Amino acid sequence: MDLEIVENALPPSLPQEIKDYSFTVRTYRTNLTSWNPNLVSSSGTILLYDLQDEMLEKVKAATLNVIGGQYADNPWSVIYTLGSRMSWLPWHEDSNHLRSMTIYLNQEWSEDYAGYLLYKDEEHNVRAVLPTFNRGVVFTPPVSHCTVMPNLHAPLRESLQIFVNKKRDSA
């Protein structure tokens, strides 16, 4: 399995720049309206802010060495997400992407908040990743993973989702 946990995934000033950008743009989608119903399941709302232009390029430049230079010319989707306290994702594999990366952006996150990323290793054991600030999880799909619902006293769960997609046909 090709899964790596990366500490300090982004340069120190970039997480705040991403948040500021997202809230300035003020256009967003939600998981309830733009995701496959199987992925939404009974989740609470997740706000999705699509990063574009200069901000997308900044994130791409900052993470390319971890994602892999061979993906530089592929289309990337970079999304700042705010997950509500009742939000979660069921088991899925991201199999429609070439590479996937999640970077956690909450400055503080207690173990008691839950909201863990769970994934299955080669032996099908379930492993957990605590959403610690600026920790990244990058993998080559398919990797079976899900997220656990944050507890009611947790803050909104902030993350950056990066997906590298297949090159578009130029015909």
C-alpha atoms as a PDB file:
ATOM      1  CA  MET A   1       0.000   0.000   0.000  1.00  0.00           C
ATOM      2  CA  ASP A   2       1.252   3.438  -0.906  1.00  0.00           C
ATOM      3  CA  LEU A   3       0.190   5.606   2.057  1.00  0.00           C
ATOM      4  CA  GLU A   4       2.401   8.139   3.819  1.00  0.00           C
ATOM      5  CA  ILE A   5       1.790  10.408   6.811  1.00  0.00           C
ATOM      6  CA  VAL A   6       3.615  13.722   6.441  1.00  0.00           C
ATOM      7  CA  GLU A   7       4.145  16.232   9.259  1.00  0.00           C
ATOM      8  CA  ASN A   8       4.365  19.956   8.379  1.00  0.00           C
ATOM      9  CA  ALA A   9       2.827  19.276   4.983  1.00  0.00           C
ATOM     10  CA  LEU A  10       2.462  22.979   4.137  1.00  0.00           C
ATOM     11  CA  PRO A  11       4.765  25.965   4.701  1.00  0.00           C
ATOM     12  CA  PRO A  12       3.872  27.759   7.989  1.00  0.00           C
ATOM     13  CA  SER A  13       1.974  30.731   6.493  1.00  0.00           C
ATOM     14  CA  LEU A  14       0.007  28.800   3.860  1.00  0.00           C
ATOM     15  CA  PRO A  15      -2.757  27.282   6.066  1.00  0.00           C
ATOM     16  CA  GLN A  16      -3.929  30.747   7.138  1.00  0.00           C
ATOM     17  CA  GLU A  17      -3.672  32.036   3.557  1.00  0.00           C
ATOM     18  CA  ILE A  18      -5.917  29.176   2.428  1.00  0.00           C
ATOM     19  CA  LYS A  19      -8.516  29.965   5.108  1.00  0.00           C
ATOM     20  CA  ASP A  20      -8.463  33.685   4.311  1.00  0.00           C
ATOM     21  CA  TYR A  21      -8.793  32.980   0.588  1.00  0.00           C
ATOM     22  CA  SER A  22     -11.722  30.599   1.107  1.00  0.00           C
ATOM     23  CA  PHE A  23     -13.689  33.000   3.272  1.00  0.00           C
ATOM     24  CA  THR A  24     -13.025  35.910   0.915  1.00  0.00           C
ATOM     25  CA  VAL A  25     -14.290  34.044  -2.137  1.00  0.00           C
ATOM     26  CA  ARG A  26     -17.528  33.114  -0.329  1.00  0.00           C
ATOM     27  CA  THR A  27     -18.601  30.628  -2.979  1.00  0.00           C
ATOM     28  CA  TYR A  28     -18.895  27.067  -1.853  1.00  0.00           C
ATOM     29  CA  ARG A  29     -20.556  23.744  -2.495  1.00  0.00           C
ATOM     30  CA  THR A  30     -21.638  21.154   0.042  1.00  0.00           C
ATOM     31  CA  ASN A  31     -21.287  17.410   0.230  1.00  0.00           C
ATOM     32  CA  LEU A  32     -25.101  17.196   0.286  1.00  0.00           C
ATOM     33  CA  THR A  33     -25.473  18.763  -3.156  1.00  0.00           C
ATOM     34  CA  SER A  34     -22.310  17.813  -5.054  1.00  0.00           C
ATOM     35  CA  TRP A  35     -21.218  14.324  -3.926  1.00  0.00           C
ATOM     36  CA  ASN A  36     -22.404  10.874  -4.848  1.00  0.00           C
ATOM     37  CA  PRO A  37     -25.196   9.909  -2.395  1.00  0.00           C
ATOM     38  CA  ASN A  38     -23.234   6.782  -1.399  1.00  0.00           C
ATOM     39  CA  LEU A  39     -20.407   9.003  -0.148  1.00  0.00           C
ATOM     40  CA  VAL A  40     -22.735  11.397   1.660  1.00  0.00           C
ATOM     41  CA  SER A  41     -24.717   8.663   3.441  1.00  0.00           C
ATOM     42  CA  SER A  42     -26.269  10.250   6.564  1.00  0.00           C
ATOM     43  CA  SER A  43     -23.476  12.769   7.107  1.00  0.00           C
ATOM     44  CA  GLY A  44     -23.992  16.293   8.338  1.00  0.00           C
ATOM     45  CA  THR A  45     -23.004  19.180   6.098  1.00  0.00           C
ATOM     46  CA  ILE A  46     -19.461  19.687   4.861  1.00  0.00           C
ATOM     47  CA  LEU A  47     -18.736  23.049   3.219  1.00  0.00           C
ATOM     48  CA  LEU A  48     -16.417  22.770   0.199  1.00  0.00           C
ATOM     49  CA  TYR A  49     -14.399  25.751  -1.021  1.00  0.00           C
ATOM     50  CA  ASP A  50     -12.675  25.056  -4.356  1.00  0.00           C
ATOM     51  CA  LEU A  51      -9.259  26.687  -4.557  1.00  0.00           C
ATOM     52  CA  GLN A  52      -8.477  28.178  -7.941  1.00  0.00           C
ATOM     53  CA  ASP A  53      -5.887  30.123  -9.876  1.00  0.00           C
ATOM     54  CA  GLU A  54      -3.009  31.480  -7.766  1.00  0.00           C
ATOM     55  CA  MET A  55      -4.065  29.745  -4.534  1.00  0.00           C
ATOM     56  CA  LEU A  56      -4.381  26.368  -6.247  1.00  0.00           C
ATOM     57  CA  GLU A  57      -0.920  26.853  -7.766  1.00  0.00           C
ATOM     58  CA  LYS A  58       0.549  27.750  -4.341  1.00  0.00           C
ATOM     59  CA  VAL A  59      -0.804  24.549  -2.814  1.00  0.00           C
ATOM     60  CA  LYS A  60       0.339  22.526  -5.807  1.00  0.00           C
ATOM     61  CA  ALA A  61       3.873  23.951  -5.565  1.00  0.00           C
ATOM     62  CA  ALA A  62       3.984  23.339  -1.799  1.00  0.00           C
ATOM     63  CA  THR A  63       2.850  19.695  -2.040  1.00  0.00           C
ATOM     64  CA  LEU A  64       4.250  18.539  -5.387  1.00  0.00           C
ATOM     65  CA  ASN A  65       7.319  16.943  -3.811  1.00  0.00           C
ATOM     66  CA  VAL A  66       5.068  14.774  -1.593  1.00  0.00           C
ATOM     67  CA  ILE A  67       2.358  14.093  -4.198  1.00  0.00           C
ATOM     68  CA  GLY A  68       4.997  13.299  -6.823  1.00  0.00           C
ATOM     69  CA  GLY A  69       6.558  15.372  -9.586  1.00  0.00           C
ATOM     70  CA  GLN A  70       5.237  12.966 -12.219  1.00  0.00           C
ATOM     71  CA  TYR A  71       1.757  14.429 -11.511  1.00  0.00           C
ATOM     72  CA  ALA A  72       2.714  18.052 -12.184  1.00  0.00           C
ATOM     73  CA  ASP A  73       0.891  18.183 -15.525  1.00  0.00           C
ATOM     74  CA  ASN A  74      -2.244  16.360 -14.378  1.00  0.00           C
ATOM     75  CA  PRO A  75      -5.410  18.248 -13.389  1.00  0.00           C
ATOM     76  CA  TRP A  76      -5.616  18.881  -9.631  1.00  0.00           C
ATOM     77  CA  SER A  77      -8.648  19.594  -7.450  1.00  0.00           C
ATOM     78  CA  VAL A  78      -7.832  21.377  -4.193  1.00  0.00           C
ATOM     79  CA  ILE A  79     -10.685  21.917  -1.751  1.00  0.00           C
ATOM     80  CA  TYR A  80     -10.742  23.595   1.660  1.00  0.00           C
ATOM     81  CA  THR A  81     -13.374  21.803   3.736  1.00  0.00           C
ATOM     82  CA  LEU A  82     -15.276  22.662   6.906  1.00  0.00           C
ATOM     83  CA  GLY A  83     -16.977  19.636   8.392  1.00  0.00           C
ATOM     84  CA  SER A  84     -19.847  20.099  10.828  1.00  0.00           C
ATOM     85  CA  ARG A  85     -19.974  18.161  14.072  1.00  0.00           C
ATOM     86  CA  MET A  86     -22.266  15.523  12.582  1.00  0.00           C
ATOM     87  CA  SER A  87     -20.224  15.046   9.393  1.00  0.00           C
ATOM     88  CA  TRP A  88     -18.387  11.894   8.439  1.00  0.00           C
ATOM     89  CA  LEU A  89     -17.480   9.823   5.391  1.00  0.00           C
ATOM     90  CA  PRO A  90     -18.293   6.133   4.927  1.00  0.00           C
ATOM     91  CA  TRP A  91     -15.702   3.645   3.700  1.00  0.00           C
ATOM     92  CA  HIS A  92     -14.536   4.451   0.165  1.00  0.00           C
ATOM     93  CA  GLU A  93     -11.364   4.189  -1.940  1.00  0.00           C
ATOM     94  CA  ASP A  94     -10.991   7.404  -4.023  1.00  0.00           C
ATOM     95  CA  SER A  95     -10.544   5.068  -7.005  1.00  0.00           C
ATOM     96  CA  ASN A  96     -11.490   7.779  -9.505  1.00  0.00           C
ATOM     97  CA  HIS A  97      -8.270   9.705  -8.622  1.00  0.00           C
ATOM     98  CA  LEU A  98      -4.583   8.995  -9.282  1.00  0.00           C
ATOM     99  CA  ARG A  99      -3.389  10.472  -5.951  1.00  0.00           C
ATOM    100  CA  SER A 100      -5.214  11.775  -2.884  1.00  0.00           C
ATOM    101  CA  MET A 101      -4.022  13.874   0.026  1.00  0.00           C
ATOM    102  CA  THR A 102      -5.702  15.266   3.121  1.00  0.00           C
ATOM    103  CA  ILE A 103      -4.027  17.987   5.188  1.00  0.00           C
ATOM    104  CA  TYR A 104      -5.555  18.868   8.559  1.00  0.00           C
ATOM    105  CA  LEU A 105      -5.853  22.586   9.315  1.00  0.00           C
ATOM    106  CA  ASN A 106      -7.313  22.922  12.829  1.00  0.00           C
ATOM    107  CA  GLN A 107      -4.710  24.677  14.997  1.00  0.00           C
ATOM    108  CA  GLU A 108      -5.731  22.458  17.906  1.00  0.00           C
ATOM    109  CA  TRP A 109      -7.461  19.096  17.862  1.00  0.00           C
ATOM    110  CA  SER A 110      -7.897  16.944  20.947  1.00  0.00           C
ATOM    111  CA  GLU A 111      -7.980  13.148  20.793  1.00  0.00           C
ATOM    112  CA  ASP A 112     -11.320  13.473  22.571  1.00  0.00           C
ATOM    113  CA  TYR A 113     -12.797  15.308  19.572  1.00  0.00           C
ATOM    114  CA  ALA A 114     -12.621  12.091  17.465  1.00  0.00           C
ATOM    115  CA  GLY A 115     -12.897  12.958  13.730  1.00  0.00           C
ATOM    116  CA  TYR A 116     -10.158  10.439  12.952  1.00  0.00           C
ATOM    117  CA  LEU A 117      -9.275   9.227   9.473  1.00  0.00           C
ATOM    118  CA  LEU A 118      -9.437   5.436   9.453  1.00  0.00           C
ATOM    119  CA  TYR A 119      -7.786   3.309   6.775  1.00  0.00           C
ATOM    120  CA  LYS A 120      -7.184  -0.385   6.165  1.00  0.00           C
ATOM    121  CA  ASP A 121      -3.584  -1.555   5.819  1.00  0.00           C
ATOM    122  CA  GLU A 122      -2.343  -4.453   3.665  1.00  0.00           C
ATOM    123  CA  GLU A 123      -3.554  -6.999   6.242  1.00  0.00           C
ATOM    124  CA  HIS A 124      -6.962  -5.255   6.433  1.00  0.00           C
ATOM    125  CA  ASN A 125      -6.226  -3.979   9.946  1.00  0.00           C
ATOM    126  CA  VAL A 126      -7.895  -0.654  10.651  1.00  0.00           C
ATOM    127  CA  ARG A 127      -5.462   2.174  11.463  1.00  0.00           C
ATOM    128  CA  ALA A 128      -6.348   5.646  12.740  1.00  0.00           C
ATOM    129  CA  VAL A 129      -4.829   9.065  12.031  1.00  0.00           C
ATOM    130  CA  LEU A 130      -5.525  11.931  14.444  1.00  0.00           C
ATOM    131  CA  PRO A 131      -6.253  15.171  12.514  1.00  0.00           C
ATOM    132  CA  THR A 132      -3.280  17.100  13.915  1.00  0.00           C
ATOM    133  CA  PHE A 133      -2.514  20.564  12.512  1.00  0.00           C
ATOM    134  CA  ASN A 134      -0.603  20.481   9.213  1.00  0.00           C
ATOM    135  CA  ARG A 135      -0.428  16.670   9.159  1.00  0.00           C
ATOM    136  CA  GLY A 136      -0.917  15.249   5.701  1.00  0.00           C
ATOM    137  CA  VAL A 137      -2.007  11.801   4.605  1.00  0.00           C
ATOM    138  CA  VAL A 138      -1.141  11.042   0.983  1.00  0.00           C
ATOM    139  CA  PHE A 139      -1.849   7.846  -0.908  1.00  0.00           C
ATOM    140  CA  THR A 140      -2.314   6.227  -4.270  1.00  0.00           C
ATOM    141  CA  PRO A 141      -5.853   4.857  -4.595  1.00  0.00           C
ATOM    142  CA  PRO A 142      -7.412   2.487  -4.078  1.00  0.00           C
ATOM    143  CA  VAL A 143      -6.989   2.697  -0.297  1.00  0.00           C
ATOM    144  CA  SER A 144     -10.050   1.880   1.764  1.00  0.00           C
ATOM    145  CA  HIS A 145     -10.644   4.745   4.225  1.00  0.00           C
ATOM    146  CA  CYS A 146     -13.354   6.704   6.047  1.00  0.00           C
ATOM    147  CA  THR A 147     -13.682   9.471   8.613  1.00  0.00           C
ATOM    148  CA  VAL A 148     -15.215   9.236  12.046  1.00  0.00           C
ATOM    149  CA  MET A 149     -17.790  11.791  13.118  1.00  0.00           C
ATOM    150  CA  PRO A 150     -16.319  14.497  15.398  1.00  0.00           C
ATOM    151  CA  ASN A 151     -17.806  14.690  18.880  1.00  0.00           C
ATOM    152  CA  LEU A 152     -20.427  17.306  19.647  1.00  0.00           C
ATOM    153  CA  HIS A 153     -17.966  19.484  21.582  1.00  0.00           C
ATOM    154  CA  ALA A 154     -15.419  19.507  18.735  1.00  0.00           C
ATOM    155  CA  PRO A 155     -14.824  22.582  16.588  1.00  0.00           C
ATOM    156  CA  LEU A 156     -15.594  22.482  12.867  1.00  0.00           C
ATOM    157  CA  ARG A 157     -13.135  20.057  11.273  1.00  0.00           C
ATOM    158  CA  GLU A 158     -10.913  21.925   8.813  1.00  0.00           C
ATOM    159  CA  SER A 159      -8.955  20.151   6.116  1.00  0.00           C
ATOM    160  CA  LEU A 160      -7.523  20.540   2.677  1.00  0.00           C
ATOM    161  CA  GLN A 161      -8.405  17.820   0.166  1.00  0.00           C
ATOM    162  CA  ILE A 162      -6.125  17.370  -2.820  1.00  0.00           C
ATOM    163  CA  PHE A 163      -7.004  15.079  -5.701  1.00  0.00           C
ATOM    164  CA  VAL A 164      -4.845  14.432  -8.757  1.00  0.00           C
ATOM    165  CA  ASN A 165      -6.898  13.292 -11.720  1.00  0.00           C
ATOM    166  CA  LYS A 166      -6.193  11.657 -15.069  1.00  0.00           C
ATOM    167  CA  LYS A 167      -5.134  13.921 -17.895  1.00  0.00           C
ATOM    168  CA  ARG A 168      -7.983  15.044 -20.088  1.00  0.00           C
ATOM    169  CA  ASP A 169      -8.033  13.833 -23.676  1.00  0.00           C
ATOM    170  CA  SER A 170      -7.042  16.608 -26.068  1.00  0.00           C
ATOM    171  CA  ALA A 171      -9.169  15.675 -29.053  1.00  0.00           C
END
